[in-house]
């Protein structure tokens, strides 16, 4: 079964990430701007997306592990993450070094082998070609490998038990040693103890609860709204607890999305969900290109208009890149299923959008 409602969550989360970065980077250049800026800087809708992405990954990857052999699963993850990421890295480097960013900003965006391989190297390695979004991809790689290792315990019972034990260790770490391993760019010695893994692990458990309590889904939705309104703000004073609270909300949102009727696979918004990985990868370079040029060239536009232009350009260019990345992935994906000479390459084409 394909859980097409998750495509809608992906799209909403990707747009939320764009809004968050628009608030961060736009606020740095136009601190006194009104209009859209306070809205994208302070709302829960820009704090929720990344934990939601992690929870979505936990759910979807657990579903894939139910039937895919472990080696094939890992190779499929490689094909899903790396080709599009390397293409985005090339795009980001071109944007930086062809004069779109100011000279004093170019030193923060440089090629590094640890970034290229998406391996943990700590916060001082300079993973900034794509504006810093690389940190989450490092966790995606690590968690994919860790999930595969835990599946050796058995995908039906051992995997959820192993994930529950991991969550218990993380809860003890947060309680007894708060702040430890809390840097977004992880160190190889501490990544397994980072609370940033919590939403992903909760997404795994959400998969095993997908068939439980469906008739109470509207009650659960009301409880989720109350949790976001009451509990999450109270955890805002502690970065780890706040992240974990959003992780709970993300996992519950994923569970709710798979309950009941799924949208049609041909739904336009659901199909755009395939483009969200590419949008996530390149939206910051596009956004910064517009923002920096507006300052350097002293555009005769109010800050609010520049912010809207930068956000719109990031979404439009990101979705176009995402469609290209999705088409590239559809071409290389058969490599994970076929062997040697059996591989046949389908034509590379961007999927057309049709009415439902």
C-alpha atoms as a PDB file:
ATOM      1  CA  UNK A   1       0.000   0.000   0.000  1.00  0.00           C
ATOM      2  CA  UNK A   2       1.258   3.472  -0.866  1.00  0.00           C
ATOM      3  CA  UNK A   3       0.529   6.048   1.810  1.00  0.00           C
ATOM      4  CA  UNK A   4      -0.119   8.972  -0.519  1.00  0.00           C
ATOM      5  CA  UNK A   5      -1.242  11.314   2.265  1.00  0.00           C
ATOM      6  CA  UNK A   6       2.377  11.375   3.367  1.00  0.00           C
ATOM      7  CA  UNK A   7       3.170  13.138   0.113  1.00  0.00           C
ATOM      8  CA  UNK A   8       1.007  16.038   1.272  1.00  0.00           C
ATOM      9  CA  UNK A   9       2.872  16.136   4.581  1.00  0.00           C
ATOM     10  CA  UNK A  10       6.166  16.192   2.696  1.00  0.00           C
ATOM     11  CA  UNK A  11       5.057  19.165   0.631  1.00  0.00           C
ATOM     12  CA  UNK A  12       3.787  21.067   3.668  1.00  0.00           C
ATOM     13  CA  UNK A  13       7.009  20.351   5.567  1.00  0.00           C
ATOM     14  CA  UNK A  14       9.190  21.472   2.656  1.00  0.00           C
ATOM     15  CA  UNK A  15       7.318  24.767   2.343  1.00  0.00           C
ATOM     16  CA  UNK A  16       7.655  25.238   6.096  1.00  0.00           C
ATOM     17  CA  UNK A  17      11.425  24.784   5.868  1.00  0.00           C
ATOM     18  CA  UNK A  18      11.551  27.452   3.147  1.00  0.00           C
ATOM     19  CA  UNK A  19       9.596  29.794   5.434  1.00  0.00           C
ATOM     20  CA  UNK A  20      11.942  29.102   8.341  1.00  0.00           C
ATOM     21  CA  UNK A  21      15.062  29.883   6.335  1.00  0.00           C
ATOM     22  CA  UNK A  22      13.433  32.951   4.822  1.00  0.00           C
ATOM     23  CA  UNK A  23      12.918  34.232   8.355  1.00  0.00           C
ATOM     24  CA  UNK A  24      16.474  33.379   9.422  1.00  0.00           C
ATOM     25  CA  UNK A  25      18.340  34.775   6.415  1.00  0.00           C
ATOM     26  CA  UNK A  26      15.930  37.573   5.620  1.00  0.00           C
ATOM     27  CA  UNK A  27      15.934  38.648   9.246  1.00  0.00           C
ATOM     28  CA  UNK A  28      19.715  38.914   9.134  1.00  0.00           C
ATOM     29  CA  UNK A  29      19.636  41.279   6.164  1.00  0.00           C
ATOM     30  CA  UNK A  30      16.415  43.160   6.928  1.00  0.00           C
ATOM     31  CA  UNK A  31      16.044  43.099  10.731  1.00  0.00           C
ATOM     32  CA  UNK A  32      13.474  45.897  10.754  1.00  0.00           C
ATOM     33  CA  UNK A  33      11.265  44.487   8.025  1.00  0.00           C
ATOM     34  CA  UNK A  34       7.624  43.961   8.849  1.00  0.00           C
ATOM     35  CA  UNK A  35       4.919  42.198   6.916  1.00  0.00           C
ATOM     36  CA  UNK A  36       5.847  38.606   6.189  1.00  0.00           C
ATOM     37  CA  UNK A  37       9.045  38.462   8.252  1.00  0.00           C
ATOM     38  CA  UNK A  38       7.590  38.213  11.786  1.00  0.00           C
ATOM     39  CA  UNK A  39       5.105  35.652  10.506  1.00  0.00           C
ATOM     40  CA  UNK A  40       7.785  33.317   9.161  1.00  0.00           C
ATOM     41  CA  UNK A  41      10.171  33.820  12.070  1.00  0.00           C
ATOM     42  CA  UNK A  42       8.006  33.116  15.086  1.00  0.00           C
ATOM     43  CA  UNK A  43       5.267  30.627  14.251  1.00  0.00           C
ATOM     44  CA  UNK A  44       5.099  26.939  15.059  1.00  0.00           C
ATOM     45  CA  UNK A  45       4.690  26.246  11.346  1.00  0.00           C
ATOM     46  CA  UNK A  46       8.387  26.981  10.791  1.00  0.00           C
ATOM     47  CA  UNK A  47       9.586  24.993  13.807  1.00  0.00           C
ATOM     48  CA  UNK A  48       7.672  21.817  13.005  1.00  0.00           C
ATOM     49  CA  UNK A  49       8.848  20.883   9.460  1.00  0.00           C
ATOM     50  CA  UNK A  50      12.272  19.294  10.069  1.00  0.00           C
ATOM     51  CA  UNK A  51      11.117  17.019  12.947  1.00  0.00           C
ATOM     52  CA  UNK A  52       8.172  16.121  10.724  1.00  0.00           C
ATOM     53  CA  UNK A  53      10.563  15.207   7.901  1.00  0.00           C
ATOM     54  CA  UNK A  54      12.501  12.958  10.274  1.00  0.00           C
ATOM     55  CA  UNK A  55       9.321  11.230  11.455  1.00  0.00           C
ATOM     56  CA  UNK A  56       8.228  10.725   7.843  1.00  0.00           C
ATOM     57  CA  UNK A  57      11.576   9.109   7.037  1.00  0.00           C
ATOM     58  CA  UNK A  58      11.333   6.760   9.997  1.00  0.00           C
ATOM     59  CA  UNK A  59       7.873   5.605   8.920  1.00  0.00           C
ATOM     60  CA  UNK A  60       8.617   5.242   5.202  1.00  0.00           C
ATOM     61  CA  UNK A  61      11.959   3.470   5.645  1.00  0.00           C
ATOM     62  CA  UNK A  62      10.468   1.011   8.108  1.00  0.00           C
ATOM     63  CA  UNK A  63       7.784   0.229   5.552  1.00  0.00           C
ATOM     64  CA  UNK A  64      10.458  -0.368   2.903  1.00  0.00           C
ATOM     65  CA  UNK A  65      12.410  -2.695   5.210  1.00  0.00           C
ATOM     66  CA  UNK A  66       9.445  -5.032   5.558  1.00  0.00           C
ATOM     67  CA  UNK A  67      10.020  -6.498   2.110  1.00  0.00           C
ATOM     68  CA  UNK A  68      13.400  -5.312   0.806  1.00  0.00           C
ATOM     69  CA  UNK A  69      16.572  -7.325   1.489  1.00  0.00           C
ATOM     70  CA  UNK A  70      18.960  -5.325   3.658  1.00  0.00           C
ATOM     71  CA  UNK A  71      21.660  -4.883   1.029  1.00  0.00           C
ATOM     72  CA  UNK A  72      19.126  -3.771  -1.554  1.00  0.00           C
ATOM     73  CA  UNK A  73      17.555  -1.415   0.982  1.00  0.00           C
ATOM     74  CA  UNK A  74      20.871   0.284   1.719  1.00  0.00           C
ATOM     75  CA  UNK A  75      21.746   0.592  -1.963  1.00  0.00           C
ATOM     76  CA  UNK A  76      18.309   2.068  -2.635  1.00  0.00           C
ATOM     77  CA  UNK A  77      18.938   4.627   0.109  1.00  0.00           C
ATOM     78  CA  UNK A  78      22.268   5.507  -1.486  1.00  0.00           C
ATOM     79  CA  UNK A  79      20.565   6.014  -4.838  1.00  0.00           C
ATOM     80  CA  UNK A  80      17.837   8.108  -3.238  1.00  0.00           C
ATOM     81  CA  UNK A  81      20.082  10.438  -1.264  1.00  0.00           C
ATOM     82  CA  UNK A  82      23.399  10.875  -3.030  1.00  0.00           C
ATOM     83  CA  UNK A  83      22.939  11.521  -6.791  1.00  0.00           C
ATOM     84  CA  UNK A  84      20.504  14.392  -6.222  1.00  0.00           C
ATOM     85  CA  UNK A  85      22.595  15.712  -3.367  1.00  0.00           C
ATOM     86  CA  UNK A  86      25.780  15.757  -5.444  1.00  0.00           C
ATOM     87  CA  UNK A  87      23.923  17.526  -8.249  1.00  0.00           C
ATOM     88  CA  UNK A  88      22.701  20.098  -5.710  1.00  0.00           C
ATOM     89  CA  UNK A  89      26.248  20.527  -4.376  1.00  0.00           C
ATOM     90  CA  UNK A  90      27.452  21.368  -7.877  1.00  0.00           C
ATOM     91  CA  UNK A  91      24.619  23.867  -8.220  1.00  0.00           C
ATOM     92  CA  UNK A  92      25.408  25.430  -4.847  1.00  0.00           C
ATOM     93  CA  UNK A  93      29.098  25.792  -5.633  1.00  0.00           C
ATOM     94  CA  UNK A  94      28.260  27.402  -8.980  1.00  0.00           C
ATOM     95  CA  UNK A  95      25.960  29.910  -7.280  1.00  0.00           C
ATOM     96  CA  UNK A  96      28.610  30.819  -4.714  1.00  0.00           C
ATOM     97  CA  UNK A  97      31.678  31.054  -6.932  1.00  0.00           C
ATOM     98  CA  UNK A  98      30.113  32.854  -9.853  1.00  0.00           C
ATOM     99  CA  UNK A  99      29.698  36.000  -7.838  1.00  0.00           C
ATOM    100  CA  UNK A 100      26.114  35.667  -6.695  1.00  0.00           C
ATOM    101  CA  UNK A 101      27.071  35.737  -3.014  1.00  0.00           C
ATOM    102  CA  UNK A 102      29.260  38.456  -1.485  1.00  0.00           C
ATOM    103  CA  UNK A 103      32.981  37.728  -1.315  1.00  0.00           C
ATOM    104  CA  UNK A 104      33.003  37.682   2.497  1.00  0.00           C
ATOM    105  CA  UNK A 105      30.367  34.917   2.491  1.00  0.00           C
ATOM    106  CA  UNK A 106      32.150  32.564   0.094  1.00  0.00           C
ATOM    107  CA  UNK A 107      34.537  31.166   2.665  1.00  0.00           C
ATOM    108  CA  UNK A 108      31.593  29.556   4.510  1.00  0.00           C
ATOM    109  CA  UNK A 109      30.583  27.652   1.391  1.00  0.00           C
ATOM    110  CA  UNK A 110      33.331  25.288   0.395  1.00  0.00           C
ATOM    111  CA  UNK A 111      33.727  21.730  -0.778  1.00  0.00           C
ATOM    112  CA  UNK A 112      34.719  19.174   1.839  1.00  0.00           C
ATOM    113  CA  UNK A 113      35.060  15.419   1.580  1.00  0.00           C
ATOM    114  CA  UNK A 114      33.060  14.838   4.755  1.00  0.00           C
ATOM    115  CA  UNK A 115      30.190  16.861   3.312  1.00  0.00           C
ATOM    116  CA  UNK A 116      30.477  15.076  -0.031  1.00  0.00           C
ATOM    117  CA  UNK A 117      30.200  11.691   1.683  1.00  0.00           C
ATOM    118  CA  UNK A 118      27.620  12.890   4.266  1.00  0.00           C
ATOM    119  CA  UNK A 119      29.589  11.424   7.154  1.00  0.00           C
ATOM    120  CA  UNK A 120      29.701  12.985  10.634  1.00  0.00           C
ATOM    121  CA  UNK A 121      32.684  15.227  11.171  1.00  0.00           C
ATOM    122  CA  UNK A 122      31.600  17.636  13.884  1.00  0.00           C
ATOM    123  CA  UNK A 123      30.487  21.262  13.688  1.00  0.00           C
ATOM    124  CA  UNK A 124      33.769  22.681  12.370  1.00  0.00           C
ATOM    125  CA  UNK A 125      33.897  20.948   8.979  1.00  0.00           C
ATOM    126  CA  UNK A 126      32.039  23.612   6.973  1.00  0.00           C
ATOM    127  CA  UNK A 127      29.048  21.838   5.441  1.00  0.00           C
ATOM    128  CA  UNK A 128      27.636  25.045   4.031  1.00  0.00           C
ATOM    129  CA  UNK A 129      27.521  24.701   0.258  1.00  0.00           C
ATOM    130  CA  UNK A 130      23.735  24.287   0.523  1.00  0.00           C
ATOM    131  CA  UNK A 131      23.304  26.707   3.397  1.00  0.00           C
ATOM    132  CA  UNK A 132      23.553  24.192   6.230  1.00  0.00           C
ATOM    133  CA  UNK A 133      20.731  21.779   5.351  1.00  0.00           C
ATOM    134  CA  UNK A 134      23.386  19.064   5.034  1.00  0.00           C
ATOM    135  CA  UNK A 135      23.275  18.307   8.764  1.00  0.00           C
ATOM    136  CA  UNK A 136      19.911  16.553   8.440  1.00  0.00           C
ATOM    137  CA  UNK A 137      21.162  14.430   5.551  1.00  0.00           C
ATOM    138  CA  UNK A 138      24.046  13.196   7.706  1.00  0.00           C
ATOM    139  CA  UNK A 139      21.451  11.951  10.189  1.00  0.00           C
ATOM    140  CA  UNK A 140      19.420  10.406   7.356  1.00  0.00           C
ATOM    141  CA  UNK A 141      22.431   8.357   6.267  1.00  0.00           C
ATOM    142  CA  UNK A 142      23.329   7.294   9.819  1.00  0.00           C
ATOM    143  CA  UNK A 143      19.744   6.406  10.716  1.00  0.00           C
ATOM    144  CA  UNK A 144      19.298   4.397   7.520  1.00  0.00           C
ATOM    145  CA  UNK A 145      22.342   2.297   8.406  1.00  0.00           C
ATOM    146  CA  UNK A 146      21.283   1.986  12.044  1.00  0.00           C
ATOM    147  CA  UNK A 147      17.760   0.925  11.071  1.00  0.00           C
ATOM    148  CA  UNK A 148      19.196  -1.752   8.808  1.00  0.00           C
ATOM    149  CA  UNK A 149      21.381  -3.030  11.651  1.00  0.00           C
ATOM    150  CA  UNK A 150      18.442  -3.145  14.053  1.00  0.00           C
ATOM    151  CA  UNK A 151      16.419  -5.092  11.488  1.00  0.00           C
ATOM    152  CA  UNK A 152      18.805  -8.001  12.122  1.00  0.00           C
ATOM    153  CA  UNK A 153      16.780  -8.476  15.326  1.00  0.00           C
ATOM    154  CA  UNK A 154      13.732  -9.127  13.145  1.00  0.00           C
ATOM    155  CA  UNK A 155      11.580  -6.596  11.346  1.00  0.00           C
ATOM    156  CA  UNK A 156       8.328  -7.613  13.040  1.00  0.00           C
ATOM    157  CA  UNK A 157       9.266  -7.602  16.710  1.00  0.00           C
ATOM    158  CA  UNK A 158      12.971  -7.070  17.154  1.00  0.00           C
ATOM    159  CA  UNK A 159      13.142  -3.791  15.225  1.00  0.00           C
ATOM    160  CA  UNK A 160      10.474  -1.938  17.244  1.00  0.00           C
ATOM    161  CA  UNK A 161      11.926  -3.307  20.477  1.00  0.00           C
ATOM    162  CA  UNK A 162      15.405  -2.160  19.471  1.00  0.00           C
ATOM    163  CA  UNK A 163      14.079   1.304  18.583  1.00  0.00           C
ATOM    164  CA  UNK A 164      12.205   1.516  21.895  1.00  0.00           C
ATOM    165  CA  UNK A 165      15.415   0.640  23.746  1.00  0.00           C
ATOM    166  CA  UNK A 166      17.313   3.306  21.789  1.00  0.00           C
ATOM    167  CA  UNK A 167      14.665   5.874  22.701  1.00  0.00           C
ATOM    168  CA  UNK A 168      14.990   4.902  26.360  1.00  0.00           C
ATOM    169  CA  UNK A 169      18.754   5.498  26.189  1.00  0.00           C
ATOM    170  CA  UNK A 170      18.194   8.899  24.584  1.00  0.00           C
ATOM    171  CA  UNK A 171      15.629   9.838  27.222  1.00  0.00           C
ATOM    172  CA  UNK A 172      18.122   8.936  29.950  1.00  0.00           C
ATOM    173  CA  UNK A 173      20.802  10.963  28.177  1.00  0.00           C
ATOM    174  CA  UNK A 174      18.562  14.036  27.956  1.00  0.00           C
ATOM    175  CA  UNK A 175      17.667  13.716  31.644  1.00  0.00           C
ATOM    176  CA  UNK A 176      21.071  12.912  33.133  1.00  0.00           C
ATOM    177  CA  UNK A 177      23.372  14.710  30.695  1.00  0.00           C
ATOM    178  CA  UNK A 178      21.402  17.495  28.990  1.00  0.00           C
ATOM    179  CA  UNK A 179      23.119  19.256  26.147  1.00  0.00           C
ATOM    180  CA  UNK A 180      25.511  16.414  25.387  1.00  0.00           C
ATOM    181  CA  UNK A 181      25.665  15.584  21.651  1.00  0.00           C
ATOM    182  CA  UNK A 182      23.274  18.436  20.880  1.00  0.00           C
ATOM    183  CA  UNK A 183      25.212  20.081  18.031  1.00  0.00           C
ATOM    184  CA  UNK A 184      23.249  19.876  14.749  1.00  0.00           C
ATOM    185  CA  UNK A 185      26.395  18.842  12.858  1.00  0.00           C
ATOM    186  CA  UNK A 186      27.201  15.593  14.661  1.00  0.00           C
ATOM    187  CA  UNK A 187      30.509  14.212  15.794  1.00  0.00           C
ATOM    188  CA  UNK A 188      31.178  10.566  14.906  1.00  0.00           C
ATOM    189  CA  UNK A 189      31.585   9.637  18.579  1.00  0.00           C
ATOM    190  CA  UNK A 190      28.316  11.194  19.697  1.00  0.00           C
ATOM    191  CA  UNK A 191      25.872  10.914  16.799  1.00  0.00           C
ATOM    192  CA  UNK A 192      24.154   7.801  18.178  1.00  0.00           C
ATOM    193  CA  UNK A 193      23.385   9.668  21.406  1.00  0.00           C
ATOM    194  CA  UNK A 194      21.928  12.739  19.757  1.00  0.00           C
ATOM    195  CA  UNK A 195      18.348  13.714  20.536  1.00  0.00           C
ATOM    196  CA  UNK A 196      17.977  14.751  16.890  1.00  0.00           C
ATOM    197  CA  UNK A 197      17.287  11.067  16.168  1.00  0.00           C
ATOM    198  CA  UNK A 198      14.148  11.042  18.334  1.00  0.00           C
ATOM    199  CA  UNK A 199      11.581  12.077  15.652  1.00  0.00           C
ATOM    200  CA  UNK A 200      12.931   9.450  13.252  1.00  0.00           C
ATOM    201  CA  UNK A 201      12.728   6.700  15.878  1.00  0.00           C
ATOM    202  CA  UNK A 202       9.207   7.764  16.849  1.00  0.00           C
ATOM    203  CA  UNK A 203       8.296   7.584  13.155  1.00  0.00           C
ATOM    204  CA  UNK A 204       9.466   3.965  13.169  1.00  0.00           C
ATOM    205  CA  UNK A 205       7.140   3.181  16.067  1.00  0.00           C
ATOM    206  CA  UNK A 206       4.318   5.049  14.309  1.00  0.00           C
ATOM    207  CA  UNK A 207       4.633   2.524  11.495  1.00  0.00           C
ATOM    208  CA  UNK A 208       4.015  -0.374  13.847  1.00  0.00           C
ATOM    209  CA  UNK A 209       0.985   1.440  15.278  1.00  0.00           C
ATOM    210  CA  UNK A 210      -0.453   2.360  11.892  1.00  0.00           C
ATOM    211  CA  UNK A 211      -3.308  -0.156  12.173  1.00  0.00           C
ATOM    212  CA  UNK A 212      -4.117   0.605  15.825  1.00  0.00           C
ATOM    213  CA  UNK A 213      -6.769   3.022  17.035  1.00  0.00           C
ATOM    214  CA  UNK A 214      -7.900   4.301  13.654  1.00  0.00           C
ATOM    215  CA  UNK A 215     -11.440   4.932  14.840  1.00  0.00           C
ATOM    216  CA  UNK A 216     -10.076   7.349  17.407  1.00  0.00           C
ATOM    217  CA  UNK A 217      -8.117   9.365  14.887  1.00  0.00           C
ATOM    218  CA  UNK A 218     -10.134  12.558  15.335  1.00  0.00           C
ATOM    219  CA  UNK A 219      -9.671  12.381  19.081  1.00  0.00           C
ATOM    220  CA  UNK A 220      -5.952  11.903  18.490  1.00  0.00           C
ATOM    221  CA  UNK A 221      -5.943  14.906  16.142  1.00  0.00           C
ATOM    222  CA  UNK A 222      -7.594  17.070  18.796  1.00  0.00           C
ATOM    223  CA  UNK A 223      -5.025  15.859  21.329  1.00  0.00           C
ATOM    224  CA  UNK A 224      -2.239  16.691  18.857  1.00  0.00           C
ATOM    225  CA  UNK A 225      -3.526  20.244  18.479  1.00  0.00           C
ATOM    226  CA  UNK A 226      -3.660  20.592  22.260  1.00  0.00           C
ATOM    227  CA  UNK A 227      -0.154  19.161  22.586  1.00  0.00           C
ATOM    228  CA  UNK A 228       1.223  21.684  20.081  1.00  0.00           C
ATOM    229  CA  UNK A 229      -0.627  24.545  21.748  1.00  0.00           C
ATOM    230  CA  UNK A 230       0.219  23.718  25.374  1.00  0.00           C
ATOM    231  CA  UNK A 231       3.091  21.259  25.797  1.00  0.00           C
ATOM    232  CA  UNK A 232       5.431  22.275  22.967  1.00  0.00           C
ATOM    233  CA  UNK A 233       5.705  25.961  24.013  1.00  0.00           C
ATOM    234  CA  UNK A 234       6.523  24.936  27.597  1.00  0.00           C
ATOM    235  CA  UNK A 235       9.471  22.915  26.305  1.00  0.00           C
ATOM    236  CA  UNK A 236      10.828  25.843  24.267  1.00  0.00           C
ATOM    237  CA  UNK A 237      13.335  26.818  26.982  1.00  0.00           C
ATOM    238  CA  UNK A 238      15.335  23.625  26.427  1.00  0.00           C
ATOM    239  CA  UNK A 239      16.525  22.904  22.888  1.00  0.00           C
ATOM    240  CA  UNK A 240      16.579  19.121  23.278  1.00  0.00           C
ATOM    241  CA  UNK A 241      13.205  18.884  25.004  1.00  0.00           C
ATOM    242  CA  UNK A 242      11.702  21.241  22.451  1.00  0.00           C
ATOM    243  CA  UNK A 243      13.012  19.090  19.606  1.00  0.00           C
ATOM    244  CA  UNK A 244      11.737  15.919  21.257  1.00  0.00           C
ATOM    245  CA  UNK A 245       8.315  17.495  21.775  1.00  0.00           C
ATOM    246  CA  UNK A 246       8.152  18.374  18.103  1.00  0.00           C
ATOM    247  CA  UNK A 247       9.267  14.814  17.351  1.00  0.00           C
ATOM    248  CA  UNK A 248       6.261  13.448  19.235  1.00  0.00           C
ATOM    249  CA  UNK A 249       3.998  15.817  17.308  1.00  0.00           C
ATOM    250  CA  UNK A 250       5.588  14.768  14.013  1.00  0.00           C
ATOM    251  CA  UNK A 251       5.152  11.062  14.659  1.00  0.00           C
ATOM    252  CA  UNK A 252       1.495  11.554  15.667  1.00  0.00           C
ATOM    253  CA  UNK A 253       0.899  13.647  12.534  1.00  0.00           C
ATOM    254  CA  UNK A 254       2.362  10.857  10.389  1.00  0.00           C
ATOM    255  CA  UNK A 255       0.191   8.262  12.150  1.00  0.00           C
ATOM    256  CA  UNK A 256      -2.904  10.405  11.575  1.00  0.00           C
ATOM    257  CA  UNK A 257      -2.069  10.900   7.896  1.00  0.00           C
ATOM    258  CA  UNK A 258      -2.138   7.171   7.176  1.00  0.00           C
ATOM    259  CA  UNK A 259      -5.519   6.679   8.786  1.00  0.00           C
ATOM    260  CA  UNK A 260      -8.588   6.658   6.594  1.00  0.00           C
ATOM    261  CA  UNK A 261      -8.792   7.393   2.897  1.00  0.00           C
ATOM    262  CA  UNK A 262      -5.609   8.274   0.997  1.00  0.00           C
ATOM    263  CA  UNK A 263      -5.545  10.879  -1.753  1.00  0.00           C
ATOM    264  CA  UNK A 264      -5.205   9.639  -5.308  1.00  0.00           C
ATOM    265  CA  UNK A 265      -1.670   9.016  -6.523  1.00  0.00           C
ATOM    266  CA  UNK A 266      -2.444  11.346  -9.453  1.00  0.00           C
ATOM    267  CA  UNK A 267      -3.338  14.236  -7.146  1.00  0.00           C
ATOM    268  CA  UNK A 268      -1.241  17.244  -8.170  1.00  0.00           C
ATOM    269  CA  UNK A 269      -0.125  18.076  -4.649  1.00  0.00           C
ATOM    270  CA  UNK A 270       0.715  14.438  -3.962  1.00  0.00           C
ATOM    271  CA  UNK A 271       2.820  14.320  -7.123  1.00  0.00           C
ATOM    272  CA  UNK A 272       4.643  17.459  -6.029  1.00  0.00           C
ATOM    273  CA  UNK A 273       5.664  15.512  -2.929  1.00  0.00           C
ATOM    274  CA  UNK A 274       8.190  13.739  -5.181  1.00  0.00           C
ATOM    275  CA  UNK A 275       9.880  17.092  -5.819  1.00  0.00           C
ATOM    276  CA  UNK A 276      10.329  18.048  -2.169  1.00  0.00           C
ATOM    277  CA  UNK A 277      13.766  16.488  -1.766  1.00  0.00           C
ATOM    278  CA  UNK A 278      15.140  18.690  -4.515  1.00  0.00           C
ATOM    279  CA  UNK A 279      13.337  21.703  -3.076  1.00  0.00           C
ATOM    280  CA  UNK A 280      14.891  21.004   0.312  1.00  0.00           C
ATOM    281  CA  UNK A 281      18.358  20.742  -1.216  1.00  0.00           C
ATOM    282  CA  UNK A 282      18.582  23.961  -3.236  1.00  0.00           C
ATOM    283  CA  UNK A 283      16.132  26.441  -1.705  1.00  0.00           C
ATOM    284  CA  UNK A 284      18.733  28.180   0.492  1.00  0.00           C
ATOM    285  CA  UNK A 285      21.254  28.977  -2.299  1.00  0.00           C
ATOM    286  CA  UNK A 286      18.439  30.363  -4.468  1.00  0.00           C
ATOM    287  CA  UNK A 287      17.023  32.391  -1.595  1.00  0.00           C
ATOM    288  CA  UNK A 288      20.392  33.805  -0.610  1.00  0.00           C
ATOM    289  CA  UNK A 289      21.198  34.663  -4.217  1.00  0.00           C
ATOM    290  CA  UNK A 290      18.111  36.888  -4.404  1.00  0.00           C
ATOM    291  CA  UNK A 291      18.578  38.394  -0.941  1.00  0.00           C
ATOM    292  CA  UNK A 292      22.247  39.211  -1.392  1.00  0.00           C
ATOM    293  CA  UNK A 293      21.821  40.657  -4.870  1.00  0.00           C
ATOM    294  CA  UNK A 294      19.030  42.896  -3.627  1.00  0.00           C
ATOM    295  CA  UNK A 295      21.419  44.383  -1.070  1.00  0.00           C
ATOM    296  CA  UNK A 296      24.506  44.575  -3.282  1.00  0.00           C
ATOM    297  CA  UNK A 297      22.633  46.132  -6.198  1.00  0.00           C
ATOM    298  CA  UNK A 298      20.433  48.258  -3.912  1.00  0.00           C
ATOM    299  CA  UNK A 299      17.182  47.274  -5.524  1.00  0.00           C
ATOM    300  CA  UNK A 300      14.465  49.913  -5.312  1.00  0.00           C
ATOM    301  CA  UNK A 301      12.071  47.571  -3.539  1.00  0.00           C
ATOM    302  CA  UNK A 302      10.743  47.502   0.016  1.00  0.00           C
ATOM    303  CA  UNK A 303      12.221  44.699   2.183  1.00  0.00           C
ATOM    304  CA  UNK A 304       8.890  42.896   2.336  1.00  0.00           C
ATOM    305  CA  UNK A 305       8.768  42.664  -1.458  1.00  0.00           C
ATOM    306  CA  UNK A 306      12.344  41.350  -1.574  1.00  0.00           C
ATOM    307  CA  UNK A 307      11.480  38.695   1.003  1.00  0.00           C
ATOM    308  CA  UNK A 308       8.433  37.577  -0.950  1.00  0.00           C
ATOM    309  CA  UNK A 309      10.482  37.491  -4.155  1.00  0.00           C
ATOM    310  CA  UNK A 310      13.253  35.463  -2.491  1.00  0.00           C
ATOM    311  CA  UNK A 311      10.771  32.991  -1.009  1.00  0.00           C
ATOM    312  CA  UNK A 312       8.884  32.624  -4.275  1.00  0.00           C
ATOM    313  CA  UNK A 313      12.096  32.124  -6.238  1.00  0.00           C
ATOM    314  CA  UNK A 314      13.276  29.506  -3.738  1.00  0.00           C
ATOM    315  CA  UNK A 315      10.013  27.552  -4.034  1.00  0.00           C
ATOM    316  CA  UNK A 316       9.764  27.810  -7.836  1.00  0.00           C
ATOM    317  CA  UNK A 317      13.414  26.984  -8.565  1.00  0.00           C
ATOM    318  CA  UNK A 318      13.450  24.336  -5.842  1.00  0.00           C
ATOM    319  CA  UNK A 319      10.413  22.532  -7.245  1.00  0.00           C
ATOM    320  CA  UNK A 320      11.857  22.635 -10.764  1.00  0.00           C
ATOM    321  CA  UNK A 321      15.100  21.190  -9.469  1.00  0.00           C
ATOM    322  CA  UNK A 322      13.052  18.677  -7.487  1.00  0.00           C
ATOM    323  CA  UNK A 323      11.275  17.480 -10.619  1.00  0.00           C
ATOM    324  CA  UNK A 324      14.654  17.047 -12.299  1.00  0.00           C
ATOM    325  CA  UNK A 325      16.010  15.176  -9.266  1.00  0.00           C
ATOM    326  CA  UNK A 326      12.894  13.001  -9.149  1.00  0.00           C
ATOM    327  CA  UNK A 327      13.320  12.120 -12.823  1.00  0.00           C
ATOM    328  CA  UNK A 328      16.996  11.318 -12.206  1.00  0.00           C
ATOM    329  CA  UNK A 329      16.026   9.084  -9.291  1.00  0.00           C
ATOM    330  CA  UNK A 330      13.411   7.274 -11.371  1.00  0.00           C
ATOM    331  CA  UNK A 331      16.194   6.467 -13.817  1.00  0.00           C
ATOM    332  CA  UNK A 332      18.720   5.131 -11.320  1.00  0.00           C
ATOM    333  CA  UNK A 333      16.228   3.445  -8.989  1.00  0.00           C
ATOM    334  CA  UNK A 334      16.085   0.186 -11.012  1.00  0.00           C
ATOM    335  CA  UNK A 335      19.725  -0.396 -10.113  1.00  0.00           C
ATOM    336  CA  UNK A 336      18.606  -1.310  -6.599  1.00  0.00           C
ATOM    337  CA  UNK A 337      16.268  -4.017  -7.875  1.00  0.00           C
ATOM    338  CA  UNK A 338      18.073  -5.631 -10.766  1.00  0.00           C
ATOM    339  CA  UNK A 339      21.406  -7.360 -11.084  1.00  0.00           C
ATOM    340  CA  UNK A 340      24.266  -6.799 -13.476  1.00  0.00           C
ATOM    341  CA  UNK A 341      23.168  -7.228 -17.061  1.00  0.00           C
ATOM    342  CA  UNK A 342      19.502  -7.227 -16.063  1.00  0.00           C
ATOM    343  CA  UNK A 343      19.564  -3.442 -15.543  1.00  0.00           C
ATOM    344  CA  UNK A 344      17.534  -1.540 -18.130  1.00  0.00           C
ATOM    345  CA  UNK A 345      17.436   2.237 -18.058  1.00  0.00           C
ATOM    346  CA  UNK A 346      14.036   3.894 -18.473  1.00  0.00           C
ATOM    347  CA  UNK A 347      13.826   7.187 -20.330  1.00  0.00           C
ATOM    348  CA  UNK A 348      14.554  10.281 -18.268  1.00  0.00           C
ATOM    349  CA  UNK A 349      11.480  12.462 -18.232  1.00  0.00           C
ATOM    350  CA  UNK A 350       9.776  14.841 -15.851  1.00  0.00           C
ATOM    351  CA  UNK A 351       6.375  13.421 -14.856  1.00  0.00           C
ATOM    352  CA  UNK A 352       3.415  15.309 -16.305  1.00  0.00           C
ATOM    353  CA  UNK A 353       0.702  16.634 -14.037  1.00  0.00           C
ATOM    354  CA  UNK A 354      -2.864  15.589 -14.700  1.00  0.00           C
ATOM    355  CA  UNK A 355      -6.187  16.414 -13.208  1.00  0.00           C
ATOM    356  CA  UNK A 356      -7.551  13.979 -10.627  1.00  0.00           C
END
